[in-house]
Amino acid sequence: MNLEKFRGYISTHRCDIDYSAMYKPMEDVFIQIGKGDSNNDPVYRLPKCEKVLVESFLAVREGKQAWGKSNIDVKTGKPTLFEPETGREIITSEGAIPQIERFATKFVFNKLSVAWLKKALNVLVAKSEKKLGNKYAVICNTLLWDDVQQCIDLFLKDRHTDGDFLWSKGSNGYVAAGATYDTYTYGGNTIGFKLDASLDVEFPDRKYGLMIDLTPDTKTGKSALAQFTFKNGEFIQNKILGVGGENGLTGGPVSSPVAATKLTAFG
């Protein structure tokens, strides 16, 4: 069983954004100017602060859950990073890929072929409890996704297929050529291909993919890959109000003497 190297910790993710009390009342004006039209060249291209914050948080969380490296010492169970001023522990847990890599069989190829897909498929079948009826997922970056399309397209050209595979004729007489291939079945097992552009961040110039067995456990029915979080703890947003309040024009109690407000996304 592939488990993390440490237990009893849960990772947190956080992003902050702040804006001045002078900016907030004019934010909608900036956004309207930024939209522009054919007769009005846009001067600003500003999304709302909240949108920037949420998108940043989701990108951080996805990257961490995929690629995160643990800083917990295996022998002592203690983290190796500390907050300089307070000495508090900074804990980071592993993402899915470092856990998978410890047990995965790795293939390095220059040009993808059906033969490579079969080799990887056979390795997973050998590790699977069942030998038939399994469903595997290949999570691809953009370059590998394109390679998969070309690979299966060339493979089908050498086989006896009907027109549904390679072309279809519309009612207007035009011909739509080609196809998008998202599954491949061989020997009673199926591979589904899923494009995940977040992998491009790590491998922008190399083909990269993960082939994972997603067949549930036959005894317990549990998912092959799962995560957990605290109930209602996936996404929490907080505000530290400065002078001017949330909209920059509100009086009353504040939490900071600075004329700015900070938004925090945490989960």
C-alpha atoms as a PDB file:
ATOM      1  CA  MET A   1       0.000   0.000   0.000  1.00  0.00           C
ATOM      2  CA  ASN A   2       1.329   3.409  -0.961  1.00  0.00           C
ATOM      3  CA  LEU A   3       1.019   5.790   1.982  1.00  0.00           C
ATOM      4  CA  GLU A   4       2.686   9.039   2.854  1.00  0.00           C
ATOM      5  CA  LYS A   5       5.947   8.810   4.792  1.00  0.00           C
ATOM      6  CA  PHE A   6       4.367  10.511   7.788  1.00  0.00           C
ATOM      7  CA  ARG A   7       0.954  10.504   9.426  1.00  0.00           C
ATOM      8  CA  GLY A   8      -0.963  12.924  11.605  1.00  0.00           C
ATOM      9  CA  TYR A   9      -0.398  16.074   9.579  1.00  0.00           C
ATOM     10  CA  ILE A  10      -2.650  17.928   7.168  1.00  0.00           C
ATOM     11  CA  SER A  11      -1.416  20.460   4.619  1.00  0.00           C
ATOM     12  CA  THR A  12      -2.815  23.962   4.409  1.00  0.00           C
ATOM     13  CA  HIS A  13      -2.725  26.381   1.498  1.00  0.00           C
ATOM     14  CA  ARG A  14      -2.976  30.146   1.698  1.00  0.00           C
ATOM     15  CA  CYS A  15      -2.926  33.170  -0.596  1.00  0.00           C
ATOM     16  CA  ASP A  16      -3.210  36.845   0.316  1.00  0.00           C
ATOM     17  CA  ILE A  17      -4.032  39.972  -1.656  1.00  0.00           C
ATOM     18  CA  ASP A  18      -4.401  43.534  -0.441  1.00  0.00           C
ATOM     19  CA  TYR A  19      -5.685  46.776  -1.898  1.00  0.00           C
ATOM     20  CA  SER A  20      -5.560  50.380  -0.759  1.00  0.00           C
ATOM     21  CA  ALA A  21      -8.556  52.375   0.411  1.00  0.00           C
ATOM     22  CA  MET A  22      -7.876  54.731  -2.504  1.00  0.00           C
ATOM     23  CA  TYR A  23      -8.056  51.929  -5.067  1.00  0.00           C
ATOM     24  CA  LYS A  24     -11.227  50.119  -4.035  1.00  0.00           C
ATOM     25  CA  PRO A  25     -13.791  52.900  -4.785  1.00  0.00           C
ATOM     26  CA  MET A  26     -12.321  53.184  -8.285  1.00  0.00           C
ATOM     27  CA  GLU A  27     -11.985  49.466  -9.009  1.00  0.00           C
ATOM     28  CA  ASP A  28     -15.214  49.190 -11.045  1.00  0.00           C
ATOM     29  CA  VAL A  29     -14.231  52.281 -13.028  1.00  0.00           C
ATOM     30  CA  PHE A  30     -10.864  50.744 -13.903  1.00  0.00           C
ATOM     31  CA  ILE A  31     -12.548  47.499 -14.969  1.00  0.00           C
ATOM     32  CA  GLN A  32     -15.074  49.321 -17.172  1.00  0.00           C
ATOM     33  CA  ILE A  33     -12.308  51.298 -18.863  1.00  0.00           C
ATOM     34  CA  GLY A  34     -10.363  48.072 -19.318  1.00  0.00           C
ATOM     35  CA  LYS A  35     -13.193  46.418 -21.250  1.00  0.00           C
ATOM     36  CA  GLY A  36     -13.013  49.103 -23.925  1.00  0.00           C
ATOM     37  CA  ASP A  37     -14.444  48.752 -27.443  1.00  0.00           C
ATOM     38  CA  SER A  38     -13.354  49.207 -31.031  1.00  0.00           C
ATOM     39  CA  ASN A  39     -13.309  52.988 -30.594  1.00  0.00           C
ATOM     40  CA  ASN A  40     -11.712  53.020 -27.171  1.00  0.00           C
ATOM     41  CA  ASP A  41      -8.368  51.347 -26.620  1.00  0.00           C
ATOM     42  CA  PRO A  42      -8.299  49.687 -23.184  1.00  0.00           C
ATOM     43  CA  VAL A  43      -6.001  51.387 -20.698  1.00  0.00           C
ATOM     44  CA  TYR A  44      -6.311  48.852 -17.864  1.00  0.00           C
ATOM     45  CA  ARG A  45      -7.022  45.136 -17.810  1.00  0.00           C
ATOM     46  CA  LEU A  46      -7.973  44.492 -14.226  1.00  0.00           C
ATOM     47  CA  PRO A  47     -10.053  41.603 -12.877  1.00  0.00           C
ATOM     48  CA  LYS A  48     -11.572  42.043  -9.429  1.00  0.00           C
ATOM     49  CA  CYS A  49      -9.310  41.425  -6.425  1.00  0.00           C
ATOM     50  CA  GLU A  50     -11.448  38.492  -5.280  1.00  0.00           C
ATOM     51  CA  LYS A  51     -11.107  36.767  -8.673  1.00  0.00           C
ATOM     52  CA  VAL A  52      -7.310  37.106  -8.620  1.00  0.00           C
ATOM     53  CA  LEU A  53      -7.196  35.735  -5.071  1.00  0.00           C
ATOM     54  CA  VAL A  54      -9.384  32.698  -5.772  1.00  0.00           C
ATOM     55  CA  GLU A  55      -7.558  31.803  -8.995  1.00  0.00           C
ATOM     56  CA  SER A  56      -4.200  32.080  -7.232  1.00  0.00           C
ATOM     57  CA  PHE A  57      -5.410  29.905  -4.363  1.00  0.00           C
ATOM     58  CA  LEU A  58      -6.719  27.200  -6.692  1.00  0.00           C
ATOM     59  CA  ALA A  59      -3.463  27.185  -8.665  1.00  0.00           C
ATOM     60  CA  VAL A  60      -1.402  26.890  -5.486  1.00  0.00           C
ATOM     61  CA  ARG A  61      -3.599  24.118  -4.093  1.00  0.00           C
ATOM     62  CA  GLU A  62      -3.575  22.088  -7.300  1.00  0.00           C
ATOM     63  CA  GLY A  63       0.186  22.432  -7.681  1.00  0.00           C
ATOM     64  CA  LYS A  64       0.782  21.458  -4.067  1.00  0.00           C
ATOM     65  CA  GLN A  65      -1.565  18.480  -4.172  1.00  0.00           C
ATOM     66  CA  ALA A  66       0.160  17.237  -7.318  1.00  0.00           C
ATOM     67  CA  TRP A  67       3.864  18.053  -6.829  1.00  0.00           C
ATOM     68  CA  GLY A  68       4.274  18.947  -3.136  1.00  0.00           C
ATOM     69  CA  LYS A  69       7.422  17.679  -1.423  1.00  0.00           C
ATOM     70  CA  SER A  70       7.335  16.781   2.249  1.00  0.00           C
ATOM     71  CA  ASN A  71       9.661  18.480   4.717  1.00  0.00           C
ATOM     72  CA  ILE A  72       9.028  15.948   7.501  1.00  0.00           C
ATOM     73  CA  ASP A  73      12.113  14.026   8.626  1.00  0.00           C
ATOM     74  CA  VAL A  74      11.339  10.311   8.343  1.00  0.00           C
ATOM     75  CA  LYS A  75      13.385   9.374  11.444  1.00  0.00           C
ATOM     76  CA  THR A  76      12.196  12.055  13.874  1.00  0.00           C
ATOM     77  CA  GLY A  77       8.754  12.859  12.438  1.00  0.00           C
ATOM     78  CA  LYS A  78       9.592  16.561  12.837  1.00  0.00           C
ATOM     79  CA  PRO A  79       9.526  19.234  10.113  1.00  0.00           C
ATOM     80  CA  THR A  80      12.789  20.710   8.872  1.00  0.00           C
ATOM     81  CA  LEU A  81      11.455  24.261   8.328  1.00  0.00           C
ATOM     82  CA  PHE A  82      10.619  26.836  10.992  1.00  0.00           C
ATOM     83  CA  GLU A  83       9.226  30.357  11.023  1.00  0.00           C
ATOM     84  CA  PRO A  84      12.302  32.567  11.714  1.00  0.00           C
ATOM     85  CA  GLU A  85      10.711  35.033  14.129  1.00  0.00           C
ATOM     86  CA  THR A  86       8.533  32.723  16.225  1.00  0.00           C
ATOM     87  CA  GLY A  87      10.197  29.333  15.727  1.00  0.00           C
ATOM     88  CA  ARG A  88       6.839  27.774  14.813  1.00  0.00           C
ATOM     89  CA  GLU A  89       6.939  24.641  12.727  1.00  0.00           C
ATOM     90  CA  ILE A  90       6.181  24.940   9.007  1.00  0.00           C
ATOM     91  CA  ILE A  91       4.712  21.639   7.821  1.00  0.00           C
ATOM     92  CA  THR A  92       4.398  20.628   4.177  1.00  0.00           C
ATOM     93  CA  SER A  93       3.046  17.252   3.138  1.00  0.00           C
ATOM     94  CA  GLU A  94       3.545  15.292  -0.049  1.00  0.00           C
ATOM     95  CA  GLY A  95       1.502  15.626  -3.188  1.00  0.00           C
ATOM     96  CA  ALA A  96       0.200  12.685  -5.180  1.00  0.00           C
ATOM     97  CA  ILE A  97       3.063  12.502  -7.673  1.00  0.00           C
ATOM     98  CA  PRO A  98       5.952  12.084  -5.170  1.00  0.00           C
ATOM     99  CA  GLN A  99       3.954   9.295  -3.498  1.00  0.00           C
ATOM    100  CA  ILE A 100       3.248   7.579  -6.804  1.00  0.00           C
ATOM    101  CA  GLU A 101       6.847   7.911  -8.000  1.00  0.00           C
ATOM    102  CA  ARG A 102       8.199   5.825  -5.137  1.00  0.00           C
ATOM    103  CA  PHE A 103       6.306   2.803  -6.442  1.00  0.00           C
ATOM    104  CA  ALA A 104       5.851   3.599 -10.117  1.00  0.00           C
ATOM    105  CA  THR A 105       7.527   1.922 -13.075  1.00  0.00           C
ATOM    106  CA  LYS A 106       8.934   4.673 -15.268  1.00  0.00           C
ATOM    107  CA  PHE A 107       9.237   4.724 -19.036  1.00  0.00           C
ATOM    108  CA  VAL A 108      11.347   7.209 -20.981  1.00  0.00           C
ATOM    109  CA  PHE A 109      10.578   7.457 -24.681  1.00  0.00           C
ATOM    110  CA  ASN A 110      11.421   9.719 -27.579  1.00  0.00           C
ATOM    111  CA  LYS A 111       8.457   8.922 -29.821  1.00  0.00           C
ATOM    112  CA  LEU A 112       5.259   7.458 -28.443  1.00  0.00           C
ATOM    113  CA  SER A 113       3.889   4.322 -30.068  1.00  0.00           C
ATOM    114  CA  VAL A 114       1.132   1.822 -29.340  1.00  0.00           C
ATOM    115  CA  ALA A 115       3.911  -0.570 -28.285  1.00  0.00           C
ATOM    116  CA  TRP A 116       4.845   1.819 -25.443  1.00  0.00           C
ATOM    117  CA  LEU A 117       1.210   2.048 -24.357  1.00  0.00           C
ATOM    118  CA  LYS A 118       1.013  -1.745 -24.278  1.00  0.00           C
ATOM    119  CA  LYS A 119       4.206  -1.994 -22.188  1.00  0.00           C
ATOM    120  CA  ALA A 120       2.857   0.454 -19.611  1.00  0.00           C
ATOM    121  CA  LEU A 121      -0.524  -1.265 -19.674  1.00  0.00           C
ATOM    122  CA  ASN A 122       1.041  -4.685 -19.061  1.00  0.00           C
ATOM    123  CA  VAL A 123       2.961  -3.349 -16.052  1.00  0.00           C
ATOM    124  CA  LEU A 124      -0.262  -2.034 -14.490  1.00  0.00           C
ATOM    125  CA  VAL A 125      -2.154  -5.242 -15.260  1.00  0.00           C
ATOM    126  CA  ALA A 126       0.579  -7.235 -13.494  1.00  0.00           C
ATOM    127  CA  LYS A 127       0.143  -5.012 -10.397  1.00  0.00           C
ATOM    128  CA  SER A 128      -3.658  -5.182 -10.474  1.00  0.00           C
ATOM    129  CA  GLU A 129      -5.743  -7.675  -8.551  1.00  0.00           C
ATOM    130  CA  LYS A 130      -7.937  -8.327 -11.582  1.00  0.00           C
ATOM    131  CA  LYS A 131      -6.399  -9.048 -14.966  1.00  0.00           C
ATOM    132  CA  LEU A 132      -9.428  -8.050 -17.022  1.00  0.00           C
ATOM    133  CA  GLY A 133     -11.971  -5.240 -16.822  1.00  0.00           C
ATOM    134  CA  ASN A 134      -9.635  -2.657 -15.291  1.00  0.00           C
ATOM    135  CA  LYS A 135      -9.912   1.049 -16.038  1.00  0.00           C
ATOM    136  CA  TYR A 136      -6.700   3.034 -16.049  1.00  0.00           C
ATOM    137  CA  ALA A 137      -6.259   6.789 -16.432  1.00  0.00           C
ATOM    138  CA  VAL A 138      -3.386   8.510 -18.213  1.00  0.00           C
ATOM    139  CA  ILE A 139      -3.118  12.116 -17.041  1.00  0.00           C
ATOM    140  CA  CYS A 140      -1.204  13.982 -19.766  1.00  0.00           C
ATOM    141  CA  ASN A 141       0.392  17.339 -20.245  1.00  0.00           C
ATOM    142  CA  THR A 142      -0.348  19.101 -23.545  1.00  0.00           C
ATOM    143  CA  LEU A 143       2.646  17.653 -25.426  1.00  0.00           C
ATOM    144  CA  LEU A 144       1.845  14.061 -24.449  1.00  0.00           C
ATOM    145  CA  TRP A 145      -1.866  14.570 -25.216  1.00  0.00           C
ATOM    146  CA  ASP A 146      -0.908  15.668 -28.740  1.00  0.00           C
ATOM    147  CA  ASP A 147       1.436  12.669 -29.042  1.00  0.00           C
ATOM    148  CA  VAL A 148      -1.384  10.317 -28.018  1.00  0.00           C
ATOM    149  CA  GLN A 149      -3.657  11.768 -30.703  1.00  0.00           C
ATOM    150  CA  GLN A 150      -1.031  11.308 -33.422  1.00  0.00           C
ATOM    151  CA  CYS A 151      -0.070   7.854 -32.177  1.00  0.00           C
ATOM    152  CA  ILE A 152      -3.602   6.405 -32.250  1.00  0.00           C
ATOM    153  CA  ASP A 153      -4.439   8.212 -35.483  1.00  0.00           C
ATOM    154  CA  LEU A 154      -1.508   6.541 -37.260  1.00  0.00           C
ATOM    155  CA  PHE A 155      -2.356   3.218 -35.631  1.00  0.00           C
ATOM    156  CA  LEU A 156      -5.914   3.278 -36.989  1.00  0.00           C
ATOM    157  CA  LYS A 157      -4.792   4.068 -40.535  1.00  0.00           C
ATOM    158  CA  ASP A 158      -3.238   0.618 -40.761  1.00  0.00           C
ATOM    159  CA  ARG A 159      -6.403  -1.135 -39.628  1.00  0.00           C
ATOM    160  CA  HIS A 160      -9.693  -1.891 -41.352  1.00  0.00           C
ATOM    161  CA  THR A 161     -12.052   0.712 -39.911  1.00  0.00           C
ATOM    162  CA  ASP A 162     -15.281   2.235 -41.128  1.00  0.00           C
ATOM    163  CA  GLY A 163     -15.844   5.911 -41.868  1.00  0.00           C
ATOM    164  CA  ASP A 164     -16.943   6.767 -38.345  1.00  0.00           C
ATOM    165  CA  PHE A 165     -13.343   6.527 -37.157  1.00  0.00           C
ATOM    166  CA  LEU A 166     -11.729   8.891 -39.630  1.00  0.00           C
ATOM    167  CA  TRP A 167     -14.355  11.128 -41.224  1.00  0.00           C
ATOM    168  CA  SER A 168     -17.982  12.152 -41.196  1.00  0.00           C
ATOM    169  CA  LYS A 169     -20.067  13.963 -43.800  1.00  0.00           C
ATOM    170  CA  GLY A 170     -22.346  16.786 -42.729  1.00  0.00           C
ATOM    171  CA  SER A 171     -25.743  17.700 -44.157  1.00  0.00           C
ATOM    172  CA  ASN A 172     -24.149  20.610 -46.030  1.00  0.00           C
ATOM    173  CA  GLY A 173     -21.920  18.223 -47.947  1.00  0.00           C
ATOM    174  CA  TYR A 174     -18.740  19.294 -46.135  1.00  0.00           C
ATOM    175  CA  VAL A 175     -16.463  16.608 -44.704  1.00  0.00           C
ATOM    176  CA  ALA A 176     -15.175  16.836 -41.129  1.00  0.00           C
ATOM    177  CA  ALA A 177     -11.903  14.919 -40.958  1.00  0.00           C
ATOM    178  CA  GLY A 178     -10.079  13.538 -37.960  1.00  0.00           C
ATOM    179  CA  ALA A 179     -11.110  12.545 -34.471  1.00  0.00           C
ATOM    180  CA  THR A 180     -10.288  13.069 -30.807  1.00  0.00           C
ATOM    181  CA  TYR A 181      -9.125   9.910 -29.058  1.00  0.00           C
ATOM    182  CA  ASP A 182      -9.728   9.716 -25.315  1.00  0.00           C
ATOM    183  CA  THR A 183      -9.733   5.933 -24.685  1.00  0.00           C
ATOM    184  CA  TYR A 184      -7.803   2.891 -25.836  1.00  0.00           C
ATOM    185  CA  THR A 185      -8.891  -0.684 -25.070  1.00  0.00           C
ATOM    186  CA  TYR A 186      -6.583  -3.660 -25.359  1.00  0.00           C
ATOM    187  CA  GLY A 187      -6.743  -7.166 -23.915  1.00  0.00           C
ATOM    188  CA  GLY A 188      -9.878  -6.473 -21.865  1.00  0.00           C
ATOM    189  CA  ASN A 189      -8.521  -3.354 -20.138  1.00  0.00           C
ATOM    190  CA  THR A 190      -9.206   0.296 -20.918  1.00  0.00           C
ATOM    191  CA  ILE A 191      -6.970   3.368 -20.786  1.00  0.00           C
ATOM    192  CA  GLY A 192      -8.632   6.775 -20.619  1.00  0.00           C
ATOM    193  CA  PHE A 193      -6.586   9.843 -21.519  1.00  0.00           C
ATOM    194  CA  LYS A 194      -7.141  13.065 -19.563  1.00  0.00           C
ATOM    195  CA  LEU A 195      -5.505  16.375 -20.441  1.00  0.00           C
ATOM    196  CA  ASP A 196      -4.302  18.378 -17.444  1.00  0.00           C
ATOM    197  CA  ALA A 197      -2.664  21.634 -18.456  1.00  0.00           C
ATOM    198  CA  SER A 198      -1.296  22.154 -14.931  1.00  0.00           C
ATOM    199  CA  LEU A 199       1.378  19.558 -15.778  1.00  0.00           C
ATOM    200  CA  ASP A 200       2.669  21.989 -18.412  1.00  0.00           C
ATOM    201  CA  VAL A 201       3.932  24.221 -15.609  1.00  0.00           C
ATOM    202  CA  GLU A 202       6.352  21.514 -14.488  1.00  0.00           C
ATOM    203  CA  PHE A 203       7.134  20.128 -17.959  1.00  0.00           C
ATOM    204  CA  PRO A 204       6.624  22.842 -20.599  1.00  0.00           C
ATOM    205  CA  ASP A 205       9.061  21.278 -23.101  1.00  0.00           C
ATOM    206  CA  ARG A 206       8.770  17.553 -22.338  1.00  0.00           C
ATOM    207  CA  LYS A 207       6.035  14.975 -22.775  1.00  0.00           C
ATOM    208  CA  TYR A 208       4.862  13.795 -19.372  1.00  0.00           C
ATOM    209  CA  GLY A 209       2.047  11.627 -18.135  1.00  0.00           C
ATOM    210  CA  LEU A 210       0.896   9.436 -15.247  1.00  0.00           C
ATOM    211  CA  MET A 211      -0.874   6.133 -15.816  1.00  0.00           C
ATOM    212  CA  ILE A 212      -2.893   5.296 -12.704  1.00  0.00           C
ATOM    213  CA  ASP A 213      -5.155   2.408 -11.786  1.00  0.00           C
ATOM    214  CA  LEU A 214      -8.501   3.884 -10.764  1.00  0.00           C
ATOM    215  CA  THR A 215     -10.242   0.535 -10.174  1.00  0.00           C
ATOM    216  CA  PRO A 216     -11.877   0.571  -6.696  1.00  0.00           C
ATOM    217  CA  ASP A 217     -10.707  -1.927  -4.086  1.00  0.00           C
ATOM    218  CA  THR A 218     -12.596  -5.175  -4.712  1.00  0.00           C
ATOM    219  CA  LYS A 219     -13.072  -5.921  -1.000  1.00  0.00           C
ATOM    220  CA  THR A 220     -13.937  -2.507   0.462  1.00  0.00           C
ATOM    221  CA  GLY A 221     -15.065  -0.576  -2.611  1.00  0.00           C
ATOM    222  CA  LYS A 222     -12.788   2.317  -1.637  1.00  0.00           C
ATOM    223  CA  SER A 223     -11.432   4.569  -4.348  1.00  0.00           C
ATOM    224  CA  ALA A 224      -7.915   3.897  -5.599  1.00  0.00           C
ATOM    225  CA  LEU A 225      -6.962   7.555  -5.184  1.00  0.00           C
ATOM    226  CA  ALA A 226      -8.564   9.811  -2.612  1.00  0.00           C
ATOM    227  CA  GLN A 227      -8.046  12.884  -0.491  1.00  0.00           C
ATOM    228  CA  PHE A 228      -9.706  14.227   2.619  1.00  0.00           C
ATOM    229  CA  THR A 229     -10.171  17.574   4.269  1.00  0.00           C
ATOM    230  CA  PHE A 230     -11.987  19.060   7.225  1.00  0.00           C
ATOM    231  CA  LYS A 231     -15.704  19.553   6.651  1.00  0.00           C
ATOM    232  CA  ASN A 232     -16.267  23.074   5.282  1.00  0.00           C
ATOM    233  CA  GLY A 233     -12.505  23.546   5.303  1.00  0.00           C
ATOM    234  CA  GLU A 234     -11.818  23.359   1.563  1.00  0.00           C
ATOM    235  CA  PHE A 235     -11.947  27.126   1.132  1.00  0.00           C
ATOM    236  CA  ILE A 236     -12.151  29.825   3.805  1.00  0.00           C
ATOM    237  CA  GLN A 237     -11.929  33.537   3.059  1.00  0.00           C
ATOM    238  CA  ASN A 238     -11.068  36.134   5.687  1.00  0.00           C
ATOM    239  CA  LYS A 239     -10.649  39.909   5.634  1.00  0.00           C
ATOM    240  CA  ILE A 240      -8.398  42.181   7.643  1.00  0.00           C
ATOM    241  CA  LEU A 241     -10.108  45.559   7.402  1.00  0.00           C
ATOM    242  CA  GLY A 242      -7.977  48.680   7.382  1.00  0.00           C
ATOM    243  CA  VAL A 243      -8.913  52.350   7.424  1.00  0.00           C
ATOM    244  CA  GLY A 244     -11.779  52.826   4.968  1.00  0.00           C
ATOM    245  CA  GLY A 245     -13.138  49.328   5.524  1.00  0.00           C
ATOM    246  CA  GLU A 246     -13.887  46.804   2.805  1.00  0.00           C
ATOM    247  CA  ASN A 247     -14.941  49.287   0.137  1.00  0.00           C
ATOM    248  CA  GLY A 248     -12.508  52.065   1.084  1.00  0.00           C
ATOM    249  CA  LEU A 249     -15.295  54.454   2.116  1.00  0.00           C
ATOM    250  CA  THR A 250     -16.679  52.900   5.293  1.00  0.00           C
ATOM    251  CA  GLY A 251     -16.036  54.159   8.814  1.00  0.00           C
ATOM    252  CA  GLY A 252     -16.125  52.107  12.004  1.00  0.00           C
ATOM    253  CA  PRO A 253     -13.982  49.484  13.744  1.00  0.00           C
ATOM    254  CA  VAL A 254     -10.929  48.285  11.823  1.00  0.00           C
ATOM    255  CA  SER A 255      -8.198  45.743  12.471  1.00  0.00           C
ATOM    256  CA  SER A 256      -5.299  47.698  11.046  1.00  0.00           C
ATOM    257  CA  PRO A 257      -4.256  51.390  11.084  1.00  0.00           C
ATOM    258  CA  VAL A 258      -3.108  51.063   7.464  1.00  0.00           C
ATOM    259  CA  ALA A 259      -5.468  52.509   4.818  1.00  0.00           C
ATOM    260  CA  ALA A 260      -5.727  49.164   3.034  1.00  0.00           C
ATOM    261  CA  THR A 261      -7.641  45.900   3.348  1.00  0.00           C
ATOM    262  CA  LYS A 262      -6.178  42.414   3.082  1.00  0.00           C
ATOM    263  CA  LEU A 263      -8.092  39.372   1.757  1.00  0.00           C
ATOM    264  CA  THR A 264      -6.884  35.892   2.698  1.00  0.00           C
ATOM    265  CA  ALA A 265      -7.884  32.592   1.087  1.00  0.00           C
ATOM    266  CA  PHE A 266      -7.094  29.574   3.246  1.00  0.00           C
ATOM    267  CA  GLY A 267      -7.974  25.887   3.148  1.00  0.00           C
END
